[in-house]
C-alpha atoms as a PDB file:
ATOM      1  CA  MET A   1     147.600 226.480  72.101  1.00  0.00           C
ATOM      2  CA  LEU A   2     144.552 225.820  69.997  1.00  0.00           C
ATOM      3  CA  ILE A   3     142.669 222.580  70.560  1.00  0.00           C
ATOM      4  CA  ARG A   4     139.757 221.853  68.270  1.00  0.00           C
ATOM      5  CA  VAL A   5     137.247 219.039  68.143  1.00  0.00           C
ATOM      6  CA  ASP A   6     134.628 218.083  65.587  1.00  0.00           C
ATOM      7  CA  PRO A   7     131.573 216.583  67.294  1.00  0.00           C
ATOM      8  CA  ALA A   8     130.370 215.263  63.909  1.00  0.00           C
ATOM      9  CA  SER A   9     133.574 213.265  63.373  1.00  0.00           C
ATOM     10  CA  SER A  10     133.601 209.498  63.785  1.00  0.00           C
ATOM     11  CA  THR A  11     136.807 209.892  65.826  1.00  0.00           C
ATOM     12  CA  ALA A  12     136.174 209.969  69.567  1.00  0.00           C
ATOM     13  CA  LEU A  13     136.457 213.417  71.147  1.00  0.00           C
ATOM     14  CA  PHE A  14     139.213 212.343  73.550  1.00  0.00           C
ATOM     15  CA  GLU A  15     141.234 211.030  70.599  1.00  0.00           C
ATOM     16  CA  GLN A  16     140.757 214.325  68.774  1.00  0.00           C
ATOM     17  CA  ILE A  17     142.036 216.236  71.810  1.00  0.00           C
ATOM     18  CA  ALA A  18     145.065 213.954  72.179  1.00  0.00           C
ATOM     19  CA  ALA A  19     145.826 214.251  68.451  1.00  0.00           C
ATOM     20  CA  SER A  20     145.562 218.019  68.655  1.00  0.00           C
ATOM     21  CA  VAL A  21     148.053 218.184  71.530  1.00  0.00           C
ATOM     22  CA  ARG A  22     150.440 215.835  69.687  1.00  0.00           C
ATOM     23  CA  ALA A  23     150.191 218.017  66.584  1.00  0.00           C
ATOM     24  CA  GLU A  24     150.994 221.142  68.599  1.00  0.00           C
ATOM     25  CA  VAL A  25     154.045 219.401  70.073  1.00  0.00           C
ATOM     26  CA  ILE A  26     155.229 218.275  66.635  1.00  0.00           C
ATOM     27  CA  ARG A  27     154.739 221.804  65.240  1.00  0.00           C
ATOM     28  CA  GLY A  28     156.759 223.157  68.142  1.00  0.00           C
ATOM     29  CA  THR A  29     154.015 225.472  69.363  1.00  0.00           C
ATOM     30  CA  VAL A  30     154.027 223.670  72.728  1.00  0.00           C
ATOM     31  CA  GLN A  31     157.336 223.284  74.549  1.00  0.00           C
ATOM     32  CA  VAL A  32     158.734 221.002  77.239  1.00  0.00           C
ATOM     33  CA  GLY A  33     157.548 222.178  80.649  1.00  0.00           C
ATOM     34  CA  GLU A  34     154.563 224.060  79.258  1.00  0.00           C
ATOM     35  CA  LYS A  35     151.339 223.626  81.159  1.00  0.00           C
ATOM     36  CA  LEU A  36     148.197 222.637  79.266  1.00  0.00           C
ATOM     37  CA  PRO A  37     144.821 224.156  80.120  1.00  0.00           C
ATOM     38  CA  ALA A  38     143.136 222.702  83.185  1.00  0.00           C
ATOM     39  CA  ALA A  39     140.753 219.884  82.259  1.00  0.00           C
ATOM     40  CA  ARG A  40     137.707 221.796  83.498  1.00  0.00           C
ATOM     41  CA  GLU A  41     138.742 224.943  81.662  1.00  0.00           C
ATOM     42  CA  LEU A  42     139.285 223.062  78.392  1.00  0.00           C
ATOM     43  CA  ALA A  43     136.029 221.142  78.791  1.00  0.00           C
ATOM     44  CA  VAL A  44     134.096 224.380  79.235  1.00  0.00           C
ATOM     45  CA  SER A  45     135.801 226.040  76.250  1.00  0.00           C
ATOM     46  CA  LEU A  46     135.066 223.017  74.016  1.00  0.00           C
ATOM     47  CA  ASP A  47     131.597 222.453  75.501  1.00  0.00           C
ATOM     48  CA  ILE A  48     132.355 218.818  76.333  1.00  0.00           C
ATOM     49  CA  ASN A  49     132.456 216.665  79.468  1.00  0.00           C
ATOM     50  CA  VAL A  50     135.482 217.119  81.742  1.00  0.00           C
ATOM     51  CA  HIS A  51     135.977 213.331  81.799  1.00  0.00           C
ATOM     52  CA  THR A  52     136.553 213.406  78.036  1.00  0.00           C
ATOM     53  CA  VAL A  53     139.419 215.860  78.502  1.00  0.00           C
ATOM     54  CA  LEU A  54     140.796 213.838  81.415  1.00  0.00           C
ATOM     55  CA  ARG A  55     140.739 210.695  79.272  1.00  0.00           C
ATOM     56  CA  ALA A  56     142.714 212.490  76.532  1.00  0.00           C
ATOM     57  CA  TYR A  57     145.218 213.706  79.109  1.00  0.00           C
ATOM     58  CA  GLN A  58     145.531 210.171  80.519  1.00  0.00           C
ATOM     59  CA  VAL A  59     146.233 208.779  77.037  1.00  0.00           C
ATOM     60  CA  LEU A  60     148.969 211.384  76.579  1.00  0.00           C
ATOM     61  CA  ARG A  61     150.314 210.574  80.045  1.00  0.00           C
ATOM     62  CA  ASP A  62     150.435 206.879  79.174  1.00  0.00           C
ATOM     63  CA  GLU A  63     152.405 207.786  76.021  1.00  0.00           C
ATOM     64  CA  GLY A  64     154.867 209.707  78.199  1.00  0.00           C
ATOM     65  CA  LEU A  65     154.031 213.071  76.650  1.00  0.00           C
ATOM     66  CA  LEU A  66     152.315 214.548  79.713  1.00  0.00           C
ATOM     67  CA  ASP A  67     153.009 214.589  83.401  1.00  0.00           C
ATOM     68  CA  LEU A  68     149.786 214.785  85.405  1.00  0.00           C
ATOM     69  CA  ARG A  69     150.044 215.971  88.981  1.00  0.00           C
ATOM     70  CA  ARG A  70     147.454 217.240  91.377  1.00  0.00           C
ATOM     71  CA  GLY A  71     147.823 220.939  91.871  1.00  0.00           C
ATOM     72  CA  ARG A  72     150.311 221.205  89.025  1.00  0.00           C
ATOM     73  CA  GLY A  73     148.069 220.167  86.171  1.00  0.00           C
ATOM     74  CA  ALA A  74     149.127 218.665  82.857  1.00  0.00           C
ATOM     75  CA  VAL A  75     152.698 219.516  81.868  1.00  0.00           C
ATOM     76  CA  ILE A  76     154.540 218.573  78.660  1.00  0.00           C
ATOM     77  CA  THR A  77     157.429 216.193  79.448  1.00  0.00           C
ATOM     78  CA  GLU A  78     160.928 215.845  78.024  1.00  0.00           C
ATOM     79  CA  HIS A  79     159.539 213.120  75.757  1.00  0.00           C
ATOM     80  CA  ALA A  80     158.212 215.934  73.562  1.00  0.00           C
ATOM     81  CA  ARG A  81     161.775 216.472  72.304  1.00  0.00           C
ATOM     82  CA  ASP A  82     161.613 213.019  70.669  1.00  0.00           C
ATOM     83  CA  TYR A  83     158.692 214.238  68.584  1.00  0.00           C
ATOM     84  CA  SER A  84     161.029 216.722  66.859  1.00  0.00           C
ATOM     85  CA  ALA A  85     162.880 213.903  65.116  1.00  0.00           C
ATOM     86  CA  LEU A  86     159.581 212.458  63.974  1.00  0.00           C
ATOM     87  CA  ALA A  87     158.435 215.854  62.751  1.00  0.00           C
ATOM     88  CA  ALA A  88     161.649 216.258  60.765  1.00  0.00           C
ATOM     89  CA  SER A  89     161.078 212.978  58.913  1.00  0.00           C
ATOM     90  CA  LEU A  90     157.447 213.626  57.999  1.00  0.00           C
ATOM     91  CA  PRO A  91     158.054 216.065  55.109  1.00  0.00           C
ATOM     92  CA  ARG A  92     160.306 213.526  53.350  1.00  0.00           C
ATOM     93  CA  LEU A  93     157.760 210.756  53.806  1.00  0.00           C
ATOM     94  CA  VAL A  94     154.885 212.889  52.538  1.00  0.00           C
ATOM     95  CA  ALA A  95     156.935 214.172  49.592  1.00  0.00           C
ATOM     96  CA  GLU A  96     157.792 210.614  48.557  1.00  0.00           C
ATOM     97  CA  ALA A  97     154.155 209.534  48.866  1.00  0.00           C
ATOM     98  CA  LYS A  98     153.105 212.468  46.682  1.00  0.00           C
ATOM     99  CA  ARG A  99     155.789 211.617  44.139  1.00  0.00           C
ATOM    100  CA  LEU A 100     154.265 208.149  43.914  1.00  0.00           C
ATOM    101  CA  ASN A 101     150.739 209.619  43.668  1.00  0.00           C
ATOM    102  CA  LEU A 102     149.820 207.848  46.882  1.00  0.00           C
ATOM    103  CA  SER A 103     146.761 209.301  48.612  1.00  0.00           C
ATOM    104  CA  ALA A 104     146.884 210.428  52.229  1.00  0.00           C
ATOM    105  CA  ASN A 105     144.498 207.591  53.127  1.00  0.00           C
ATOM    106  CA  ALA A 106     146.734 205.034  51.413  1.00  0.00           C
ATOM    107  CA  LEU A 107     149.799 206.402  53.190  1.00  0.00           C
ATOM    108  CA  ALA A 108     147.970 206.279  56.515  1.00  0.00           C
ATOM    109  CA  ALA A 109     146.939 202.678  55.806  1.00  0.00           C
ATOM    110  CA  LEU A 110     150.565 201.750  55.070  1.00  0.00           C
ATOM    111  CA  ILE A 111     151.681 203.358  58.294  1.00  0.00           C
ATOM    112  CA  ARG A 112     148.960 201.564  60.292  1.00  0.00           C
ATOM    113  CA  GLU A 113     149.990 198.249  58.716  1.00  0.00           C
ATOM    114  CA  ALA A 114     153.685 198.814  59.431  1.00  0.00           C
ATOM    115  CA  TYR A 115     152.865 199.884  62.969  1.00  0.00           C
ATOM    116  CA  GLN A 116     151.155 196.605  63.748  1.00  0.00           C
END
């Protein structure tokens, strides 16, 4: 699994990590039961604070995507299967937005508005 962060981005590093894990789940490159890198290991590889990684993992735990257990680490839960349905609907949504000449930012704004 490849997790990337952009320190120059206005998006918080922990949010970037969480988004990266979600994206890997949606792409199917991370499976149910798969263990994520240890927080310390990931922090060292990304050259960031371990608490930043732990915060990202806690966000994913709160969403139900990760199970965090001492000694076992961070493991992808069954909830990841639900992301498959979401992933299947995304191409249709994006294709329709493109057909309407709607920018990615406009589509994201519509989704944020609908989400609230």
